[in-house]
Amino acid sequence: MVTQLHLALVMAIDARLLVLDEPTLGLDILYRKHFYDSLLNDYFDHRRTVVVATHQVEEVQHVLTDLMFIDRGRIVFDRSMEEIESRYLEVTMHPDQVATARALRPMHERQMLGRNILLFDGVDRQRLAALGELRTPSIADLFVAVMGNQAGQEQGAAR
């Protein structure tokens, strides 16, 4: 209840920039959903900017216009959601197409339920469609790919 009260007070302020750090921490799923719906419907307009810092990326994906990942104070990823939807694709592979897909240099690969899922940056949609089932990656999957690549680059530089 205290968290809900704080959020209500913050949203009552008519500020051009609203910065929220883990705003739904401690709220159950019903109140988290209600908060983000209210944020969009009651607070946000084209004169205001809302910055949300959160580890609960799945619950904010539908309200974002831009996405930024920060690692140790450095911006390592900064894209609009439109760019993410047009540029990044995840492919659940047909088993006989994995080697062909790997030749296209995916930025990340993972397995789920015995299937390979590869994430690509800027590869032609038609070319990937022939290899398996396409979808736009979730923010969480994109985060894992980007931050995993960051860690790999740092380890390579340290050697």
N, C-alpha and C. Protein backbone atom coordinates (compact mmCIF):
# COMPACT_ATOMS: atom_id res chain seq x y z
N MET A 1 0.82 -1.19 0.00
CA MET A 1 0.00 0.00 0.00
C MET A 1 0.87 1.26 0.00
N VAL A 2 1.98 1.22 0.72
CA VAL A 2 2.88 2.38 0.76
C VAL A 2 3.45 2.65 -0.63
N THR A 3 3.85 1.58 -1.33
CA THR A 3 4.38 1.73 -2.68
C THR A 3 3.33 2.35 -3.60
N GLN A 4 2.10 1.89 -3.50
CA GLN A 4 1.02 2.43 -4.32
C GLN A 4 0.81 3.91 -4.03
N LEU A 5 0.88 4.29 -2.77
CA LEU A 5 0.72 5.69 -2.39
C LEU A 5 1.85 6.53 -2.97
N HIS A 6 3.08 6.05 -2.86
CA HIS A 6 4.22 6.79 -3.41
C HIS A 6 4.08 6.98 -4.92
N LEU A 7 3.67 5.93 -5.61
CA LEU A 7 3.50 6.03 -7.06
C LEU A 7 2.40 7.01 -7.43
N ALA A 8 1.32 7.00 -6.67
CA ALA A 8 0.22 7.94 -6.93
C ALA A 8 0.69 9.38 -6.73
N LEU A 9 1.48 9.62 -5.70
CA LEU A 9 2.01 10.97 -5.44
C LEU A 9 2.96 11.41 -6.55
N VAL A 10 3.83 10.53 -6.98
CA VAL A 10 4.78 10.86 -8.03
C VAL A 10 4.06 11.19 -9.33
N MET A 11 3.05 10.41 -9.65
CA MET A 11 2.33 10.65 -10.89
C MET A 11 1.45 11.89 -10.84
N ALA A 12 1.19 12.39 -9.65
CA ALA A 12 0.39 13.62 -9.52
C ALA A 12 1.22 14.86 -9.83
N ILE A 13 2.54 14.72 -9.86
CA ILE A 13 3.42 15.84 -10.15
C ILE A 13 3.42 16.10 -11.65
N ASP A 14 3.27 17.35 -12.03
CA ASP A 14 3.26 17.71 -13.45
C ASP A 14 4.68 18.06 -13.88
N ALA A 15 5.50 17.04 -14.06
CA ALA A 15 6.90 17.25 -14.44
C ALA A 15 7.10 16.84 -15.90
N ARG A 16 8.01 17.51 -16.58
CA ARG A 16 8.32 17.16 -17.97
C ARG A 16 9.16 15.88 -18.03
N LEU A 17 9.93 15.61 -16.99
CA LEU A 17 10.76 14.41 -16.93
C LEU A 17 10.46 13.68 -15.63
N LEU A 18 10.07 12.44 -15.76
CA LEU A 18 9.79 11.59 -14.62
C LEU A 18 10.73 10.40 -14.68
N VAL A 19 11.57 10.24 -13.66
CA VAL A 19 12.52 9.14 -13.61
C VAL A 19 12.06 8.18 -12.52
N LEU A 20 11.83 6.94 -12.91
CA LEU A 20 11.35 5.92 -11.99
C LEU A 20 12.35 4.78 -11.92
N ASP A 21 12.81 4.47 -10.74
CA ASP A 21 13.77 3.38 -10.54
C ASP A 21 13.05 2.23 -9.84
N GLU A 22 12.88 1.13 -10.56
CA GLU A 22 12.17 -0.05 -10.05
C GLU A 22 10.84 0.36 -9.42
N PRO A 23 9.97 1.04 -10.18
CA PRO A 23 8.76 1.60 -9.59
C PRO A 23 7.76 0.60 -9.06
N THR A 24 7.77 -0.62 -9.57
CA THR A 24 6.76 -1.59 -9.15
C THR A 24 7.29 -2.64 -8.18
N LEU A 25 8.48 -2.40 -7.66
CA LEU A 25 9.06 -3.33 -6.70
C LEU A 25 8.13 -3.47 -5.50
N GLY A 26 7.75 -4.68 -5.19
CA GLY A 26 6.88 -4.92 -4.05
C GLY A 26 5.40 -4.96 -4.40
N LEU A 27 5.04 -4.67 -5.64
CA LEU A 27 3.64 -4.73 -6.04
C LEU A 27 3.33 -6.09 -6.67
N ASP A 28 2.10 -6.56 -6.45
CA ASP A 28 1.74 -7.81 -7.12
C ASP A 28 1.41 -7.52 -8.58
N ILE A 29 1.22 -8.57 -9.35
CA ILE A 29 1.08 -8.43 -10.80
C ILE A 29 -0.12 -7.56 -11.20
N LEU A 30 -1.22 -7.64 -10.45
CA LEU A 30 -2.39 -6.82 -10.78
C LEU A 30 -2.09 -5.33 -10.66
N TYR A 31 -1.42 -4.93 -9.59
CA TYR A 31 -1.10 -3.52 -9.39
C TYR A 31 0.00 -3.05 -10.34
N ARG A 32 0.95 -3.94 -10.66
CA ARG A 32 1.98 -3.56 -11.63
C ARG A 32 1.35 -3.26 -12.99
N LYS A 33 0.46 -4.14 -13.43
CA LYS A 33 -0.23 -3.93 -14.71
C LYS A 33 -1.05 -2.65 -14.66
N HIS A 34 -1.77 -2.45 -13.59
CA HIS A 34 -2.58 -1.23 -13.43
C HIS A 34 -1.70 0.02 -13.45
N PHE A 35 -0.56 -0.04 -12.77
CA PHE A 35 0.33 1.11 -12.73
C PHE A 35 0.80 1.50 -14.13
N TYR A 36 1.28 0.53 -14.90
CA TYR A 36 1.78 0.85 -16.24
C TYR A 36 0.67 1.31 -17.17
N ASP A 37 -0.52 0.74 -17.03
CA ASP A 37 -1.65 1.22 -17.81
C ASP A 37 -1.97 2.67 -17.45
N SER A 38 -1.97 2.98 -16.16
CA SER A 38 -2.23 4.35 -15.70
C SER A 38 -1.13 5.30 -16.16
N LEU A 39 0.09 4.84 -16.12
CA LEU A 39 1.22 5.68 -16.56
C LEU A 39 1.01 6.10 -18.02
N LEU A 40 0.59 5.17 -18.85
CA LEU A 40 0.36 5.49 -20.26
C LEU A 40 -0.89 6.33 -20.46
N ASN A 41 -1.96 5.97 -19.81
CA ASN A 41 -3.24 6.63 -20.04
C ASN A 41 -3.39 7.97 -19.34
N ASP A 42 -2.84 8.09 -18.14
CA ASP A 42 -3.09 9.28 -17.34
C ASP A 42 -1.92 10.25 -17.27
N TYR A 43 -0.71 9.75 -17.40
CA TYR A 43 0.45 10.62 -17.21
C TYR A 43 1.13 10.99 -18.52
N PHE A 44 1.42 9.99 -19.33
CA PHE A 44 2.24 10.23 -20.52
C PHE A 44 1.47 11.03 -21.56
N ASP A 45 2.14 12.02 -22.09
CA ASP A 45 1.69 12.71 -23.30
C ASP A 45 2.95 13.08 -24.07
N HIS A 46 2.82 13.75 -25.16
CA HIS A 46 3.99 14.02 -26.00
C HIS A 46 4.84 15.18 -25.49
N ARG A 47 4.45 15.77 -24.37
CA ARG A 47 5.26 16.83 -23.76
C ARG A 47 6.13 16.28 -22.64
N ARG A 48 5.88 15.10 -22.21
CA ARG A 48 6.58 14.52 -21.06
C ARG A 48 7.43 13.34 -21.48
N THR A 49 8.48 13.13 -20.69
CA THR A 49 9.35 11.98 -20.89
C THR A 49 9.35 11.17 -19.59
N VAL A 50 9.20 9.88 -19.72
CA VAL A 50 9.24 8.99 -18.57
C VAL A 50 10.42 8.04 -18.78
N VAL A 51 11.34 8.01 -17.83
CA VAL A 51 12.47 7.09 -17.85
C VAL A 51 12.22 6.05 -16.76
N VAL A 52 12.20 4.79 -17.16
CA VAL A 52 11.97 3.70 -16.20
C VAL A 52 13.22 2.83 -16.19
N ALA A 53 13.84 2.72 -15.03
CA ALA A 53 14.96 1.81 -14.83
C ALA A 53 14.42 0.59 -14.08
N THR A 54 14.55 -0.58 -14.70
CA THR A 54 13.98 -1.77 -14.08
C THR A 54 14.70 -3.03 -14.54
N HIS A 55 14.64 -4.03 -13.70
CA HIS A 55 15.11 -5.36 -14.08
C HIS A 55 13.93 -6.21 -14.56
N GLN A 56 12.72 -5.73 -14.37
CA GLN A 56 11.51 -6.44 -14.77
C GLN A 56 11.12 -6.04 -16.19
N VAL A 57 11.97 -6.38 -17.15
CA VAL A 57 11.81 -5.89 -18.51
C VAL A 57 10.55 -6.40 -19.20
N GLU A 58 10.12 -7.60 -18.87
CA GLU A 58 8.93 -8.13 -19.52
C GLU A 58 7.70 -7.29 -19.26
N GLU A 59 7.62 -6.68 -18.08
CA GLU A 59 6.41 -5.93 -17.76
C GLU A 59 6.39 -4.53 -18.37
N VAL A 60 7.51 -4.06 -18.90
CA VAL A 60 7.52 -2.73 -19.50
C VAL A 60 7.65 -2.75 -21.02
N GLN A 61 7.89 -3.90 -21.60
CA GLN A 61 8.16 -3.97 -23.04
C GLN A 61 7.06 -3.30 -23.85
N HIS A 62 5.82 -3.47 -23.46
CA HIS A 62 4.70 -2.93 -24.26
C HIS A 62 4.54 -1.42 -24.14
N VAL A 63 5.22 -0.78 -23.21
CA VAL A 63 5.06 0.67 -23.03
C VAL A 63 6.25 1.48 -23.53
N LEU A 64 7.29 0.81 -24.01
CA LEU A 64 8.51 1.50 -24.38
C LEU A 64 8.47 2.11 -25.78
N THR A 65 9.14 3.24 -25.92
CA THR A 65 9.39 3.80 -27.25
C THR A 65 10.86 3.65 -27.60
N ASP A 66 11.72 3.62 -26.58
CA ASP A 66 13.16 3.48 -26.77
C ASP A 66 13.69 2.55 -25.69
N LEU A 67 14.83 1.93 -26.01
CA LEU A 67 15.44 0.97 -25.09
C LEU A 67 16.93 1.25 -24.99
N MET A 68 17.44 1.25 -23.77
CA MET A 68 18.86 1.50 -23.54
C MET A 68 19.35 0.51 -22.50
N PHE A 69 20.52 -0.09 -22.76
CA PHE A 69 21.18 -0.94 -21.78
C PHE A 69 22.44 -0.21 -21.33
N ILE A 70 22.64 -0.20 -20.03
CA ILE A 70 23.81 0.47 -19.45
C ILE A 70 24.60 -0.57 -18.66
N ASP A 71 25.91 -0.60 -18.90
CA ASP A 71 26.80 -1.53 -18.20
C ASP A 71 27.91 -0.73 -17.55
N ARG A 72 27.95 -0.75 -16.24
CA ARG A 72 28.99 -0.02 -15.47
C ARG A 72 29.10 1.44 -15.91
N GLY A 73 27.95 2.08 -16.07
CA GLY A 73 27.94 3.50 -16.40
C GLY A 73 28.10 3.83 -17.86
N ARG A 74 28.29 2.81 -18.72
CA ARG A 74 28.43 3.04 -20.16
C ARG A 74 27.19 2.57 -20.89
N ILE A 75 26.73 3.38 -21.84
CA ILE A 75 25.61 2.96 -22.68
C ILE A 75 26.17 1.97 -23.71
N VAL A 76 25.65 0.75 -23.68
CA VAL A 76 26.14 -0.29 -24.60
C VAL A 76 25.11 -0.64 -25.66
N PHE A 77 23.90 -0.10 -25.53
CA PHE A 77 22.84 -0.38 -26.49
C PHE A 77 21.82 0.74 -26.38
N ASP A 78 21.46 1.33 -27.52
CA ASP A 78 20.50 2.43 -27.53
C ASP A 78 19.75 2.39 -28.86
N ARG A 79 18.49 1.92 -28.82
CA ARG A 79 17.70 1.77 -30.04
C ARG A 79 16.24 2.15 -29.75
N SER A 80 15.55 2.57 -30.79
CA SER A 80 14.11 2.76 -30.68
C SER A 80 13.44 1.39 -30.77
N MET A 81 12.25 1.27 -30.25
CA MET A 81 11.54 0.00 -30.35
C MET A 81 11.21 -0.30 -31.82
N GLU A 82 10.97 0.73 -32.62
CA GLU A 82 10.73 0.52 -34.05
C GLU A 82 11.96 -0.11 -34.71
N GLU A 83 13.14 0.39 -34.35
CA GLU A 83 14.37 -0.16 -34.91
C GLU A 83 14.58 -1.61 -34.46
N ILE A 84 14.27 -1.88 -33.21
CA ILE A 84 14.41 -3.25 -32.71
C ILE A 84 13.52 -4.19 -33.50
N GLU A 85 12.27 -3.78 -33.73
CA GLU A 85 11.33 -4.63 -34.45
C GLU A 85 11.72 -4.84 -35.91
N SER A 86 12.38 -3.87 -36.52
CA SER A 86 12.76 -4.02 -37.93
C SER A 86 14.14 -4.64 -38.12
N ARG A 87 15.01 -4.53 -37.12
CA ARG A 87 16.40 -4.93 -37.28
C ARG A 87 16.74 -6.28 -36.68
N TYR A 88 16.12 -6.64 -35.55
CA TYR A 88 16.49 -7.86 -34.84
C TYR A 88 15.45 -8.95 -35.04
N LEU A 89 15.93 -10.15 -35.33
CA LEU A 89 15.04 -11.29 -35.50
C LEU A 89 15.61 -12.50 -34.77
N GLU A 90 14.69 -13.24 -34.19
CA GLU A 90 15.05 -14.49 -33.54
C GLU A 90 14.44 -15.61 -34.38
N VAL A 91 15.22 -16.65 -34.62
CA VAL A 91 14.76 -17.76 -35.46
C VAL A 91 14.83 -19.05 -34.66
N THR A 92 13.70 -19.72 -34.55
CA THR A 92 13.67 -21.07 -34.00
C THR A 92 13.93 -21.99 -35.18
N MET A 93 15.06 -22.64 -35.11
CA MET A 93 15.62 -23.32 -36.28
C MET A 93 14.98 -24.67 -36.57
N HIS A 94 14.89 -24.95 -37.88
CA HIS A 94 14.66 -26.32 -38.32
C HIS A 94 16.00 -27.03 -38.07
N PRO A 95 16.00 -28.20 -37.48
CA PRO A 95 17.27 -28.86 -37.12
C PRO A 95 18.27 -28.98 -38.26
N ASP A 96 17.80 -29.19 -39.46
CA ASP A 96 18.72 -29.37 -40.59
C ASP A 96 19.27 -28.04 -41.13
N GLN A 97 18.85 -26.92 -40.55
CA GLN A 97 19.28 -25.61 -41.03
C GLN A 97 20.24 -24.88 -40.08
N VAL A 98 20.60 -25.50 -38.97
CA VAL A 98 21.41 -24.84 -37.95
C VAL A 98 22.77 -24.41 -38.50
N ALA A 99 23.45 -25.28 -39.21
CA ALA A 99 24.78 -24.94 -39.75
C ALA A 99 24.69 -23.76 -40.73
N THR A 100 23.67 -23.77 -41.57
CA THR A 100 23.47 -22.66 -42.52
C THR A 100 23.24 -21.36 -41.77
N ALA A 101 22.42 -21.42 -40.72
CA ALA A 101 22.13 -20.22 -39.93
C ALA A 101 23.37 -19.71 -39.20
N ARG A 102 24.16 -20.60 -38.67
CA ARG A 102 25.38 -20.18 -37.97
C ARG A 102 26.35 -19.47 -38.92
N ALA A 103 26.33 -19.83 -40.18
CA ALA A 103 27.19 -19.16 -41.17
C ALA A 103 26.79 -17.70 -41.38
N LEU A 104 25.57 -17.34 -40.99
CA LEU A 104 25.10 -15.95 -41.10
C LEU A 104 25.49 -15.11 -39.89
N ARG A 105 26.27 -15.68 -39.01
CA ARG A 105 26.84 -15.01 -37.84
C ARG A 105 25.80 -14.41 -36.89
N PRO A 106 25.05 -15.26 -36.21
CA PRO A 106 24.07 -14.76 -35.23
C PRO A 106 24.79 -14.06 -34.08
N MET A 107 24.12 -13.13 -33.44
CA MET A 107 24.73 -12.45 -32.30
C MET A 107 24.57 -13.26 -31.01
N HIS A 108 23.67 -14.25 -31.04
CA HIS A 108 23.47 -15.07 -29.85
C HIS A 108 22.77 -16.36 -30.26
N GLU A 109 23.04 -17.41 -29.51
CA GLU A 109 22.37 -18.69 -29.74
C GLU A 109 22.04 -19.31 -28.39
N ARG A 110 20.86 -19.91 -28.32
CA ARG A 110 20.45 -20.63 -27.12
C ARG A 110 19.61 -21.83 -27.52
N GLN A 111 19.41 -22.73 -26.57
CA GLN A 111 18.57 -23.88 -26.82
C GLN A 111 17.38 -23.86 -25.88
N MET A 112 16.24 -24.28 -26.42
CA MET A 112 15.04 -24.41 -25.61
C MET A 112 14.25 -25.60 -26.11
N LEU A 113 13.96 -26.50 -25.21
CA LEU A 113 13.20 -27.70 -25.55
C LEU A 113 13.80 -28.45 -26.73
N GLY A 114 15.13 -28.50 -26.76
CA GLY A 114 15.83 -29.25 -27.79
C GLY A 114 15.93 -28.54 -29.14
N ARG A 115 15.48 -27.30 -29.21
CA ARG A 115 15.55 -26.55 -30.47
C ARG A 115 16.56 -25.41 -30.33
N ASN A 116 17.26 -25.12 -31.41
CA ASN A 116 18.19 -24.00 -31.42
C ASN A 116 17.45 -22.73 -31.77
N ILE A 117 17.72 -21.67 -31.02
CA ILE A 117 17.12 -20.36 -31.28
C ILE A 117 18.28 -19.39 -31.46
N LEU A 118 18.35 -18.79 -32.63
CA LEU A 118 19.44 -17.88 -32.96
C LEU A 118 18.89 -16.47 -33.13
N LEU A 119 19.64 -15.48 -32.63
CA LEU A 119 19.23 -14.09 -32.71
C LEU A 119 20.15 -13.36 -33.69
N PHE A 120 19.55 -12.66 -34.64
CA PHE A 120 20.30 -11.99 -35.70
C PHE A 120 20.07 -10.49 -35.67
N ASP A 121 21.08 -9.77 -36.09
CA ASP A 121 21.04 -8.31 -36.21
C ASP A 121 21.23 -7.95 -37.68
N GLY A 122 20.17 -7.44 -38.32
CA GLY A 122 20.27 -6.91 -39.66
C GLY A 122 20.35 -7.92 -40.79
N VAL A 123 20.01 -9.15 -40.53
CA VAL A 123 20.02 -10.16 -41.60
C VAL A 123 18.65 -10.13 -42.28
N ASP A 124 18.64 -10.29 -43.60
CA ASP A 124 17.42 -10.23 -44.39
C ASP A 124 16.34 -11.20 -43.88
N ARG A 125 15.15 -10.67 -43.68
CA ARG A 125 14.02 -11.44 -43.15
C ARG A 125 13.69 -12.65 -44.04
N GLN A 126 13.67 -12.45 -45.34
CA GLN A 126 13.34 -13.55 -46.26
C GLN A 126 14.35 -14.69 -46.17
N ARG A 127 15.60 -14.31 -46.04
CA ARG A 127 16.67 -15.31 -45.94
C ARG A 127 16.49 -16.13 -44.66
N LEU A 128 16.15 -15.47 -43.56
CA LEU A 128 15.97 -16.17 -42.29
C LEU A 128 14.68 -16.99 -42.26
N ALA A 129 13.65 -16.53 -42.95
CA ALA A 129 12.37 -17.25 -42.96
C ALA A 129 12.52 -18.66 -43.53
N ALA A 130 13.47 -18.83 -44.43
CA ALA A 130 13.71 -20.15 -45.01
C ALA A 130 14.35 -21.11 -44.01
N LEU A 131 14.88 -20.57 -42.92
CA LEU A 131 15.62 -21.40 -41.96
C LEU A 131 14.79 -21.84 -40.76
N GLY A 132 13.66 -21.18 -40.53
CA GLY A 132 12.85 -21.54 -39.38
C GLY A 132 11.77 -20.51 -39.11
N GLU A 133 11.25 -20.56 -37.90
CA GLU A 133 10.16 -19.69 -37.47
C GLU A 133 10.72 -18.37 -36.91
N LEU A 134 10.26 -17.24 -37.45
CA LEU A 134 10.76 -15.92 -37.06
C LEU A 134 9.90 -15.27 -36.00
N ARG A 135 10.54 -14.46 -35.17
CA ARG A 135 9.82 -13.58 -34.25
C ARG A 135 10.76 -12.46 -33.82
N THR A 136 10.17 -11.37 -33.36
CA THR A 136 10.96 -10.29 -32.77
C THR A 136 11.40 -10.76 -31.40
N PRO A 137 12.67 -10.61 -31.05
CA PRO A 137 13.12 -11.09 -29.74
C PRO A 137 12.51 -10.26 -28.61
N SER A 138 12.35 -10.89 -27.47
CA SER A 138 11.91 -10.15 -26.29
C SER A 138 13.06 -9.27 -25.82
N ILE A 139 12.75 -8.28 -25.01
CA ILE A 139 13.79 -7.42 -24.45
C ILE A 139 14.77 -8.26 -23.63
N ALA A 140 14.24 -9.22 -22.89
CA ALA A 140 15.10 -10.07 -22.06
C ALA A 140 16.10 -10.84 -22.93
N ASP A 141 15.63 -11.41 -24.04
CA ASP A 141 16.53 -12.16 -24.92
C ASP A 141 17.55 -11.24 -25.57
N LEU A 142 17.12 -10.04 -25.96
CA LEU A 142 18.05 -9.08 -26.55
C LEU A 142 19.08 -8.63 -25.52
N PHE A 143 18.64 -8.43 -24.28
CA PHE A 143 19.55 -8.04 -23.20
C PHE A 143 20.62 -9.11 -22.99
N VAL A 144 20.20 -10.36 -22.92
CA VAL A 144 21.15 -11.46 -22.72
C VAL A 144 22.16 -11.50 -23.87
N ALA A 145 21.70 -11.31 -25.10
CA ALA A 145 22.59 -11.35 -26.25
C ALA A 145 23.59 -10.20 -26.21
N VAL A 146 23.09 -9.00 -25.99
CA VAL A 146 23.97 -7.82 -25.99
C VAL A 146 24.95 -7.86 -24.83
N MET A 147 24.46 -8.14 -23.64
CA MET A 147 25.33 -8.13 -22.47
C MET A 147 26.29 -9.32 -22.49
N GLY A 148 25.85 -10.45 -23.04
CA GLY A 148 26.74 -11.60 -23.19
C GLY A 148 27.87 -11.28 -24.16
N ASN A 149 27.56 -10.57 -25.24
CA ASN A 149 28.59 -10.16 -26.19
C ASN A 149 29.54 -9.15 -25.56
N GLN A 150 29.01 -8.25 -24.72
CA GLN A 150 29.86 -7.29 -24.01
C GLN A 150 30.86 -8.01 -23.13
N ALA A 151 30.38 -9.00 -22.38
CA ALA A 151 31.25 -9.74 -21.49
C ALA A 151 32.33 -10.49 -22.28
N GLY A 152 31.93 -11.05 -23.42
CA GLY A 152 32.89 -11.76 -24.27
C GLY A 152 33.95 -10.83 -24.84
N GLN A 153 33.55 -9.61 -25.24
CA GLN A 153 34.51 -8.64 -25.76
C GLN A 153 35.48 -8.19 -24.68
N GLU A 154 34.98 -8.00 -23.45
CA GLU A 154 35.84 -7.58 -22.36
C GLU A 154 36.84 -8.66 -21.99
N GLN A 155 36.40 -9.93 -22.02
CA GLN A 155 37.31 -11.03 -21.72
C GLN A 155 38.39 -11.14 -22.79
N GLY A 156 37.98 -10.94 -24.05
CA GLY A 156 38.95 -10.98 -25.15
C GLY A 156 39.96 -9.87 -25.06
N ALA A 157 39.53 -8.68 -24.64
CA ALA A 157 40.43 -7.54 -24.50
C ALA A 157 41.39 -7.71 -23.32
N ALA A 158 40.96 -8.44 -22.31
CA ALA A 158 41.80 -8.63 -21.12
C ALA A 158 42.92 -9.64 -21.38
N ARG A 159 42.79 -10.44 -22.41
CA ARG A 159 43.80 -11.47 -22.69
C ARG A 159 45.00 -10.93 -23.37
